[in-house]
């Protein structure tokens, strides 16, 4: 059955009107401007922990994961978490001599491979701006992140894959 040219045009117009009506009825209400929306952070939203000490609010848990605050709010323990997610995959004991240098002895050196001094400020600058074979993290890590990361590298470095830190959410017993 051959439809005429007019019938095809009419079918197209009906299809377009149906799509426009669908978009019109399914549209969303306008959002508030971002400046007017309150910022929710781990400090402003603190639900009560359950009887086992576990925070039951999953939104807060995801915020802690996003901000690298599962282990601690600041200091070397938070730096260890940042190190694991941002540094360990290159700076680990399995990488060998061909990959990134070992960070356990970084403060014993006079200079970094880039020529920057092996001090807190030199290491922060290296992390911020990167170097040959290293990514720059100036848009990823803020100053508090860098302070915690450098505190971990200076005092507790480095991650031992054969003995990872305990999982604070694990509630099982010892194996016999």
N, C-alpha and C. Protein backbone atom coordinates (compact mmCIF):
# COMPACT_ATOMS: atom_id res chain seq x y z
N UNK A 1 0.85 -1.17 0.00
CA UNK A 1 0.00 0.00 0.00
C UNK A 1 0.89 1.23 0.00
N UNK A 2 0.72 2.10 -0.95
CA UNK A 2 1.56 3.27 -1.10
C UNK A 2 0.84 4.49 -0.53
N UNK A 3 1.48 5.09 0.46
CA UNK A 3 0.91 6.30 1.04
C UNK A 3 1.31 7.48 0.17
N UNK A 4 0.44 8.41 0.06
CA UNK A 4 0.74 9.60 -0.73
C UNK A 4 1.68 10.52 0.02
N UNK A 5 2.18 11.50 -0.70
CA UNK A 5 3.12 12.45 -0.13
C UNK A 5 2.48 13.22 1.02
N UNK A 6 1.26 13.61 0.92
CA UNK A 6 0.55 14.34 1.97
C UNK A 6 0.39 13.51 3.23
N UNK A 7 0.11 12.20 3.04
CA UNK A 7 -0.06 11.33 4.20
C UNK A 7 1.26 11.15 4.95
N UNK A 8 2.37 11.08 4.22
CA UNK A 8 3.67 10.95 4.88
C UNK A 8 4.02 12.22 5.65
N UNK A 9 3.73 13.38 5.07
CA UNK A 9 3.99 14.63 5.76
C UNK A 9 3.13 14.72 7.02
N UNK A 10 1.88 14.35 6.93
CA UNK A 10 0.98 14.36 8.08
C UNK A 10 1.48 13.41 9.17
N UNK A 11 1.95 12.23 8.80
CA UNK A 11 2.49 11.28 9.78
C UNK A 11 3.73 11.86 10.46
N UNK A 12 4.58 12.55 9.71
CA UNK A 12 5.77 13.18 10.29
C UNK A 12 5.40 14.27 11.28
N UNK A 13 4.41 15.09 10.92
CA UNK A 13 3.98 16.17 11.80
C UNK A 13 3.40 15.59 13.09
N UNK A 14 2.61 14.54 12.98
CA UNK A 14 2.02 13.90 14.17
C UNK A 14 3.13 13.34 15.07
N UNK A 15 4.15 12.73 14.47
CA UNK A 15 5.26 12.18 15.23
C UNK A 15 6.02 13.28 15.97
N UNK A 16 6.29 14.39 15.30
CA UNK A 16 6.99 15.50 15.93
C UNK A 16 6.15 16.08 17.06
N UNK A 17 4.85 16.24 16.84
CA UNK A 17 3.98 16.77 17.91
C UNK A 17 3.94 15.82 19.10
N UNK A 18 3.95 14.53 18.86
CA UNK A 18 3.95 13.56 19.96
C UNK A 18 5.25 13.66 20.75
N UNK A 19 6.38 13.83 20.07
CA UNK A 19 7.65 13.98 20.77
C UNK A 19 7.69 15.27 21.59
N UNK A 20 7.21 16.36 21.01
CA UNK A 20 7.19 17.65 21.73
C UNK A 20 6.28 17.54 22.95
N UNK A 21 5.12 16.90 22.81
CA UNK A 21 4.21 16.73 23.95
C UNK A 21 4.85 15.88 25.03
N UNK A 22 5.57 14.83 24.64
CA UNK A 22 6.25 13.98 25.62
C UNK A 22 7.31 14.75 26.38
N UNK A 23 8.10 15.54 25.67
CA UNK A 23 9.13 16.36 26.33
C UNK A 23 8.47 17.38 27.25
N UNK A 24 7.37 17.98 26.81
CA UNK A 24 6.68 19.00 27.60
C UNK A 24 6.16 18.41 28.92
N UNK A 25 5.55 17.24 28.86
CA UNK A 25 4.98 16.64 30.07
C UNK A 25 6.03 16.02 30.98
N UNK A 26 7.15 15.62 30.45
CA UNK A 26 8.17 14.97 31.26
C UNK A 26 9.30 15.91 31.67
N UNK A 27 9.13 17.20 31.41
CA UNK A 27 10.19 18.15 31.76
C UNK A 27 10.33 18.22 33.27
N UNK A 28 11.52 18.65 33.71
CA UNK A 28 11.79 18.76 35.15
C UNK A 28 11.60 20.19 35.61
N UNK A 29 11.33 20.32 36.89
CA UNK A 29 11.21 21.65 37.46
C UNK A 29 12.59 22.30 37.48
N UNK A 30 12.66 23.61 37.34
CA UNK A 30 13.96 24.27 37.36
C UNK A 30 14.66 24.05 38.70
N UNK A 31 15.97 23.84 38.64
CA UNK A 31 16.78 23.62 39.84
C UNK A 31 17.13 24.95 40.47
N UNK A 32 17.42 24.90 41.78
CA UNK A 32 17.91 26.11 42.44
C UNK A 32 19.30 26.42 41.91
N UNK A 33 19.65 27.68 41.99
CA UNK A 33 21.00 28.04 41.55
C UNK A 33 22.01 27.42 42.52
N UNK A 34 23.19 27.02 42.02
CA UNK A 34 24.18 26.39 42.89
C UNK A 34 24.62 27.28 44.05
N UNK A 35 24.59 28.60 43.85
CA UNK A 35 25.02 29.49 44.92
C UNK A 35 24.03 29.46 46.09
N UNK A 36 22.75 29.22 45.80
CA UNK A 36 21.74 29.22 46.84
C UNK A 36 21.67 27.89 47.57
N UNK A 37 22.14 26.82 46.96
CA UNK A 37 22.07 25.51 47.59
C UNK A 37 23.11 25.40 48.69
N UNK A 38 22.73 24.88 49.85
CA UNK A 38 23.72 24.74 50.93
C UNK A 38 24.72 23.65 50.62
N UNK A 39 25.97 23.85 51.02
CA UNK A 39 27.02 22.85 50.84
C UNK A 39 26.93 21.85 51.98
N UNK A 40 26.89 20.56 51.65
CA UNK A 40 26.85 19.52 52.65
C UNK A 40 28.22 18.89 52.72
N UNK A 41 28.83 18.95 53.88
CA UNK A 41 30.14 18.34 54.08
C UNK A 41 30.07 17.41 55.28
N UNK A 42 31.14 16.68 55.50
CA UNK A 42 31.18 15.75 56.62
C UNK A 42 31.06 16.50 57.95
N UNK A 43 31.51 17.76 58.00
CA UNK A 43 31.44 18.51 59.24
C UNK A 43 30.04 19.03 59.52
N UNK A 44 29.27 19.39 58.47
CA UNK A 44 27.94 19.95 58.68
C UNK A 44 26.87 18.89 58.80
N UNK A 45 27.17 17.66 58.42
CA UNK A 45 26.17 16.61 58.46
C UNK A 45 26.75 15.42 59.20
N UNK A 46 26.40 15.30 60.45
CA UNK A 46 26.98 14.23 61.26
C UNK A 46 25.87 13.43 61.92
N UNK A 47 25.40 12.37 61.27
CA UNK A 47 24.38 11.55 61.91
C UNK A 47 24.99 10.74 63.06
N UNK A 48 24.14 10.34 63.97
CA UNK A 48 24.62 9.57 65.11
C UNK A 48 25.06 8.18 64.66
N UNK A 49 26.20 7.71 65.18
CA UNK A 49 26.64 6.35 64.83
C UNK A 49 25.72 5.32 65.46
N UNK A 50 25.68 4.15 64.85
CA UNK A 50 24.88 3.07 65.40
C UNK A 50 25.59 2.49 66.62
N UNK A 51 25.00 1.47 67.22
CA UNK A 51 25.56 0.89 68.44
C UNK A 51 26.94 0.30 68.22
N UNK A 52 27.27 -0.13 66.99
CA UNK A 52 28.60 -0.68 66.71
C UNK A 52 29.60 0.41 66.35
N UNK A 53 29.18 1.67 66.30
CA UNK A 53 30.10 2.74 65.95
C UNK A 53 30.17 2.99 64.45
N UNK A 54 29.33 2.34 63.66
CA UNK A 54 29.33 2.51 62.22
C UNK A 54 28.32 3.60 61.87
N UNK A 55 28.72 4.54 61.06
CA UNK A 55 27.79 5.57 60.61
C UNK A 55 26.86 4.95 59.60
N UNK A 56 25.56 5.07 59.84
CA UNK A 56 24.57 4.40 59.01
C UNK A 56 24.16 5.22 57.79
N UNK A 57 24.51 6.48 57.72
CA UNK A 57 24.11 7.34 56.62
C UNK A 57 25.00 7.07 55.41
N UNK A 58 24.43 6.47 54.37
CA UNK A 58 25.22 6.12 53.19
C UNK A 58 25.68 7.35 52.42
N UNK A 59 24.93 8.46 52.48
CA UNK A 59 25.39 9.67 51.81
C UNK A 59 26.65 10.20 52.47
N UNK A 60 26.70 10.16 53.79
CA UNK A 60 27.89 10.61 54.49
C UNK A 60 29.06 9.68 54.19
N UNK A 61 28.79 8.37 54.11
CA UNK A 61 29.86 7.42 53.80
C UNK A 61 30.43 7.69 52.41
N UNK A 62 29.58 7.95 51.43
CA UNK A 62 30.08 8.22 50.09
C UNK A 62 30.85 9.54 50.05
N UNK A 63 30.45 10.52 50.85
CA UNK A 63 31.19 11.77 50.92
C UNK A 63 32.56 11.54 51.54
N UNK A 64 32.64 10.69 52.57
CA UNK A 64 33.93 10.38 53.18
C UNK A 64 34.84 9.66 52.19
N UNK A 65 34.28 8.79 51.38
CA UNK A 65 35.08 8.11 50.37
C UNK A 65 35.58 9.11 49.35
N UNK A 66 34.70 10.00 48.89
CA UNK A 66 35.06 11.00 47.88
C UNK A 66 36.15 11.93 48.39
N UNK A 67 36.08 12.30 49.67
CA UNK A 67 37.05 13.25 50.24
C UNK A 67 38.23 12.56 50.92
N UNK A 68 38.39 11.26 50.75
CA UNK A 68 39.47 10.48 51.37
C UNK A 68 39.45 10.63 52.89
N UNK A 69 38.29 10.48 53.50
CA UNK A 69 38.18 10.63 54.95
C UNK A 69 37.61 9.38 55.61
N UNK A 70 37.79 8.22 55.00
CA UNK A 70 37.31 6.98 55.64
C UNK A 70 38.15 6.64 56.85
N UNK A 71 39.45 6.79 56.75
CA UNK A 71 40.35 6.40 57.84
C UNK A 71 40.44 7.48 58.92
N UNK A 72 40.51 8.72 58.51
CA UNK A 72 40.65 9.83 59.46
C UNK A 72 40.26 11.12 58.78
N UNK A 73 39.97 12.14 59.58
CA UNK A 73 39.62 13.44 59.00
C UNK A 73 40.84 14.24 58.57
N UNK A 74 42.00 13.95 59.17
CA UNK A 74 43.23 14.63 58.77
C UNK A 74 44.42 13.87 59.33
N UNK A 75 45.59 14.28 58.89
CA UNK A 75 46.82 13.69 59.41
C UNK A 75 47.34 12.53 58.57
N UNK A 76 48.34 11.82 59.09
CA UNK A 76 48.99 10.75 58.34
C UNK A 76 48.06 9.59 57.97
N UNK A 77 47.05 9.31 58.80
CA UNK A 77 46.12 8.22 58.46
C UNK A 77 45.30 8.57 57.22
N UNK A 78 44.89 9.81 57.12
CA UNK A 78 44.21 10.26 55.90
C UNK A 78 45.18 10.27 54.73
N UNK A 79 46.43 10.66 54.99
CA UNK A 79 47.47 10.64 53.96
C UNK A 79 47.71 9.24 53.42
N UNK A 80 47.62 8.23 54.29
CA UNK A 80 47.78 6.84 53.85
C UNK A 80 46.69 6.47 52.85
N UNK A 81 45.47 6.91 53.12
CA UNK A 81 44.36 6.64 52.21
C UNK A 81 44.59 7.32 50.86
N UNK A 82 45.01 8.58 50.87
CA UNK A 82 45.31 9.30 49.63
C UNK A 82 46.44 8.60 48.89
N UNK A 83 47.48 8.19 49.62
CA UNK A 83 48.60 7.49 49.02
C UNK A 83 48.12 6.22 48.31
N UNK A 84 47.26 5.48 48.95
CA UNK A 84 46.77 4.23 48.36
C UNK A 84 46.02 4.49 47.05
N UNK A 85 45.16 5.50 47.04
CA UNK A 85 44.33 5.74 45.85
C UNK A 85 45.05 6.52 44.76
N UNK A 86 46.03 7.34 45.11
CA UNK A 86 46.65 8.21 44.11
C UNK A 86 48.10 7.86 43.79
N UNK A 87 48.83 7.23 44.70
CA UNK A 87 50.28 7.07 44.52
C UNK A 87 50.73 5.61 44.43
N UNK A 88 50.06 4.74 45.15
CA UNK A 88 50.56 3.38 45.32
C UNK A 88 50.73 2.63 44.01
N UNK A 89 49.84 2.84 43.05
CA UNK A 89 49.90 2.04 41.83
C UNK A 89 51.17 2.27 41.04
N UNK A 90 51.88 3.37 41.27
CA UNK A 90 53.21 3.57 40.66
C UNK A 90 54.32 3.37 41.68
N UNK A 91 54.13 3.88 42.88
CA UNK A 91 55.17 3.83 43.92
C UNK A 91 54.91 2.64 44.84
N UNK A 92 55.12 1.42 44.33
CA UNK A 92 54.93 0.23 45.15
C UNK A 92 56.13 -0.69 45.05
N UNK A 93 56.15 -1.70 45.88
CA UNK A 93 57.30 -2.60 45.94
C UNK A 93 57.38 -3.52 44.73
N UNK A 94 56.33 -3.61 43.95
CA UNK A 94 56.32 -4.49 42.78
C UNK A 94 56.76 -3.78 41.50
N UNK A 95 56.84 -2.45 41.55
CA UNK A 95 57.13 -1.68 40.34
C UNK A 95 58.56 -1.89 39.85
N UNK A 96 59.47 -2.13 40.74
CA UNK A 96 60.85 -2.35 40.33
C UNK A 96 61.58 -1.05 40.03
N UNK A 97 62.76 -1.16 39.52
CA UNK A 97 63.62 0.00 39.27
C UNK A 97 63.20 0.78 38.02
N UNK A 98 62.42 0.17 37.14
CA UNK A 98 62.07 0.84 35.88
C UNK A 98 60.90 1.80 36.04
N UNK A 99 60.20 1.73 37.14
CA UNK A 99 59.02 2.58 37.33
C UNK A 99 59.36 3.72 38.29
N UNK A 100 58.39 4.16 39.04
CA UNK A 100 58.55 5.28 39.95
C UNK A 100 59.49 4.92 41.10
N UNK A 101 60.21 5.89 41.64
CA UNK A 101 61.15 5.61 42.73
C UNK A 101 60.44 5.25 44.03
N UNK A 102 61.17 4.57 44.90
CA UNK A 102 60.68 4.19 46.21
C UNK A 102 60.55 5.44 47.08
N UNK A 103 59.41 5.61 47.71
CA UNK A 103 59.19 6.81 48.52
C UNK A 103 59.57 6.62 49.99
N UNK A 104 59.89 5.40 50.38
CA UNK A 104 60.26 5.16 51.78
C UNK A 104 61.57 5.87 52.13
N UNK A 105 62.41 6.09 51.15
CA UNK A 105 63.71 6.73 51.40
C UNK A 105 63.80 8.13 50.80
N UNK A 106 62.69 8.73 50.46
CA UNK A 106 62.71 10.01 49.76
C UNK A 106 63.32 11.12 50.62
N UNK A 107 63.12 11.10 51.92
CA UNK A 107 63.67 12.16 52.78
C UNK A 107 65.15 11.95 53.08
N UNK A 108 65.69 10.79 52.75
CA UNK A 108 67.12 10.55 52.94
C UNK A 108 67.94 11.10 51.77
N UNK A 109 67.27 11.40 50.67
CA UNK A 109 67.96 11.96 49.51
C UNK A 109 68.10 13.46 49.67
N UNK A 110 69.05 14.01 48.91
CA UNK A 110 69.22 15.46 48.92
C UNK A 110 68.23 16.13 47.97
N UNK A 111 68.03 15.49 46.80
CA UNK A 111 67.13 16.05 45.80
C UNK A 111 66.25 14.95 45.23
N UNK A 112 65.10 15.37 44.69
CA UNK A 112 64.23 14.46 43.97
C UNK A 112 64.77 14.25 42.56
N UNK A 113 64.21 13.33 41.81
CA UNK A 113 64.68 13.09 40.44
C UNK A 113 64.53 14.32 39.56
N UNK A 114 63.57 15.17 39.87
CA UNK A 114 63.34 16.38 39.08
C UNK A 114 64.32 17.50 39.42
N UNK A 115 65.07 17.33 40.50
CA UNK A 115 65.99 18.37 40.93
C UNK A 115 65.45 19.22 42.06
N UNK A 116 64.17 19.06 42.39
CA UNK A 116 63.59 19.79 43.51
C UNK A 116 64.18 19.24 44.81
N UNK A 117 64.25 20.07 45.85
CA UNK A 117 64.79 19.58 47.12
C UNK A 117 63.87 18.54 47.76
N UNK A 118 64.44 17.60 48.48
CA UNK A 118 63.66 16.54 49.13
C UNK A 118 63.18 17.03 50.49
N UNK A 119 62.36 18.07 50.47
CA UNK A 119 61.75 18.64 51.66
C UNK A 119 60.24 18.56 51.49
N UNK A 120 59.50 18.93 52.54
CA UNK A 120 58.05 18.93 52.45
C UNK A 120 57.57 19.79 51.28
N UNK A 121 58.10 21.01 51.17
CA UNK A 121 57.68 21.92 50.09
C UNK A 121 58.09 21.39 48.72
N UNK A 122 59.27 20.81 48.61
CA UNK A 122 59.71 20.25 47.34
C UNK A 122 58.86 19.07 46.90
N UNK A 123 58.49 18.23 47.85
CA UNK A 123 57.64 17.08 47.52
C UNK A 123 56.23 17.55 47.15
N UNK A 124 55.69 18.53 47.88
CA UNK A 124 54.37 19.08 47.52
C UNK A 124 54.40 19.67 46.12
N UNK A 125 55.47 20.39 45.80
CA UNK A 125 55.61 20.99 44.47
C UNK A 125 55.68 19.90 43.39
N UNK A 126 56.39 18.82 43.68
CA UNK A 126 56.48 17.70 42.73
C UNK A 126 55.12 17.06 42.50
N UNK A 127 54.35 16.88 43.58
CA UNK A 127 53.02 16.28 43.46
C UNK A 127 52.09 17.22 42.70
N UNK A 128 52.14 18.51 43.03
CA UNK A 128 51.28 19.49 42.35
C UNK A 128 51.55 19.56 40.85
N UNK A 129 52.82 19.72 40.49
CA UNK A 129 53.17 20.01 39.10
C UNK A 129 53.65 18.81 38.31
N UNK A 130 53.86 17.69 38.97
CA UNK A 130 54.32 16.50 38.27
C UNK A 130 55.76 16.63 37.83
N UNK A 131 56.17 15.72 37.01
CA UNK A 131 57.53 15.71 36.52
C UNK A 131 57.64 14.70 35.39
N UNK A 132 58.84 14.35 35.04
CA UNK A 132 59.03 13.39 33.96
C UNK A 132 58.48 12.03 34.40
N UNK A 133 57.45 11.56 33.72
CA UNK A 133 56.84 10.28 34.04
C UNK A 133 55.86 10.32 35.19
N UNK A 134 55.59 11.50 35.74
CA UNK A 134 54.65 11.61 36.86
C UNK A 134 53.56 12.61 36.52
N UNK A 135 52.33 12.23 36.84
CA UNK A 135 51.19 13.11 36.59
C UNK A 135 51.16 14.26 37.58
N UNK A 136 50.58 15.37 37.17
CA UNK A 136 50.39 16.51 38.06
C UNK A 136 49.04 16.39 38.74
N UNK A 137 48.99 16.69 40.03
CA UNK A 137 47.75 16.56 40.81
C UNK A 137 47.26 17.90 41.33
N UNK A 138 47.66 19.02 40.71
CA UNK A 138 47.26 20.32 41.24
C UNK A 138 45.76 20.57 41.13
N UNK A 139 45.08 19.91 40.22
CA UNK A 139 43.63 20.08 40.10
C UNK A 139 42.87 18.98 40.81
N UNK A 140 43.57 18.03 41.39
CA UNK A 140 42.93 16.89 42.04
C UNK A 140 43.06 16.96 43.56
N UNK A 141 44.24 17.35 44.04
CA UNK A 141 44.50 17.40 45.48
C UNK A 141 44.65 18.85 45.93
N UNK A 142 43.95 19.20 47.00
CA UNK A 142 44.07 20.56 47.53
C UNK A 142 45.20 20.61 48.57
N UNK A 143 45.39 21.75 49.20
CA UNK A 143 46.50 21.92 50.13
C UNK A 143 46.39 21.01 51.35
N UNK A 144 45.17 20.81 51.87
CA UNK A 144 44.99 19.91 53.02
C UNK A 144 45.34 18.48 52.63
N UNK A 145 44.95 18.07 51.41
CA UNK A 145 45.30 16.74 50.92
C UNK A 145 46.81 16.57 50.84
N UNK A 146 47.48 17.58 50.30
CA UNK A 146 48.94 17.53 50.17
C UNK A 146 49.62 17.48 51.53
N UNK A 147 49.12 18.25 52.50
CA UNK A 147 49.70 18.23 53.84
C UNK A 147 49.59 16.85 54.47
N UNK A 148 48.41 16.23 54.35
CA UNK A 148 48.20 14.89 54.92
C UNK A 148 49.05 13.86 54.20
N UNK A 149 49.13 13.96 52.88
CA UNK A 149 49.92 13.01 52.10
C UNK A 149 51.40 13.11 52.44
N UNK A 150 51.92 14.33 52.53
CA UNK A 150 53.33 14.51 52.86
C UNK A 150 53.61 14.06 54.30
N UNK A 151 52.66 14.28 55.21
CA UNK A 151 52.83 13.79 56.59
C UNK A 151 52.94 12.27 56.61
N UNK A 152 52.16 11.60 55.80
CA UNK A 152 52.24 10.13 55.72
C UNK A 152 53.57 9.69 55.11
N UNK A 153 53.96 10.33 54.03
CA UNK A 153 55.23 9.95 53.38
C UNK A 153 56.41 10.19 54.32
N UNK A 154 56.37 11.28 55.05
CA UNK A 154 57.47 11.62 55.96
C UNK A 154 57.53 10.69 57.17
N UNK A 155 56.38 10.38 57.77
CA UNK A 155 56.38 9.67 59.05
C UNK A 155 56.11 8.17 58.96
N UNK A 156 55.30 7.74 57.99
CA UNK A 156 54.83 6.35 58.00
C UNK A 156 54.99 5.61 56.69
N UNK A 157 55.60 6.21 55.72
CA UNK A 157 55.62 5.63 54.39
C UNK A 157 56.36 4.29 54.38
N UNK A 158 56.00 3.34 53.73
CA UNK A 158 55.04 3.30 52.65
C UNK A 158 54.14 2.07 52.80
N UNK A 159 53.22 1.97 51.93
CA UNK A 159 52.22 0.92 51.93
C UNK A 159 52.89 -0.44 51.75
N UNK A 160 52.58 -1.37 52.63
CA UNK A 160 53.11 -2.73 52.54
C UNK A 160 51.99 -3.63 52.06
N UNK A 161 52.11 -4.14 50.86
CA UNK A 161 51.04 -4.93 50.26
C UNK A 161 50.82 -6.27 50.95
N UNK A 162 51.83 -6.76 51.65
CA UNK A 162 51.65 -8.03 52.35
C UNK A 162 50.98 -7.84 53.70
N UNK A 163 50.88 -6.61 54.17
CA UNK A 163 50.25 -6.32 55.45
C UNK A 163 49.43 -5.04 55.33
N UNK A 164 48.29 -5.09 54.65
CA UNK A 164 47.49 -3.88 54.50
C UNK A 164 46.87 -3.46 55.82
N UNK A 165 46.48 -2.20 55.94
CA UNK A 165 45.87 -1.74 57.18
C UNK A 165 44.52 -2.41 57.39
N UNK A 166 44.08 -2.49 58.63
CA UNK A 166 42.79 -3.14 58.89
C UNK A 166 41.64 -2.35 58.30
N UNK A 167 40.59 -3.05 57.96
CA UNK A 167 39.37 -2.43 57.46
C UNK A 167 38.54 -2.03 58.67
N UNK A 168 38.28 -0.73 58.89
CA UNK A 168 37.55 -0.33 60.09
C UNK A 168 36.09 -0.79 60.07
N UNK A 169 35.55 -1.16 58.93
CA UNK A 169 34.15 -1.60 58.84
C UNK A 169 34.00 -3.10 59.00
N UNK A 170 35.10 -3.85 59.06
CA UNK A 170 35.02 -5.30 59.19
C UNK A 170 34.66 -5.68 60.62
N UNK A 171 33.63 -6.50 60.79
CA UNK A 171 33.15 -6.86 62.12
C UNK A 171 33.24 -8.35 62.40
N UNK A 172 33.95 -9.12 61.56
CA UNK A 172 34.08 -10.56 61.75
C UNK A 172 35.05 -10.90 62.85
N UNK A 173 35.11 -12.17 63.19
CA UNK A 173 36.00 -12.63 64.25
C UNK A 173 37.27 -13.20 63.68
N UNK A 174 38.15 -13.59 64.57
CA UNK A 174 39.41 -14.21 64.17
C UNK A 174 39.16 -15.62 63.66
N UNK A 175 39.97 -16.03 62.72
CA UNK A 175 39.90 -17.40 62.22
C UNK A 175 40.67 -18.32 63.17
N UNK A 176 40.12 -19.49 63.43
CA UNK A 176 40.81 -20.45 64.31
C UNK A 176 41.54 -21.48 63.52
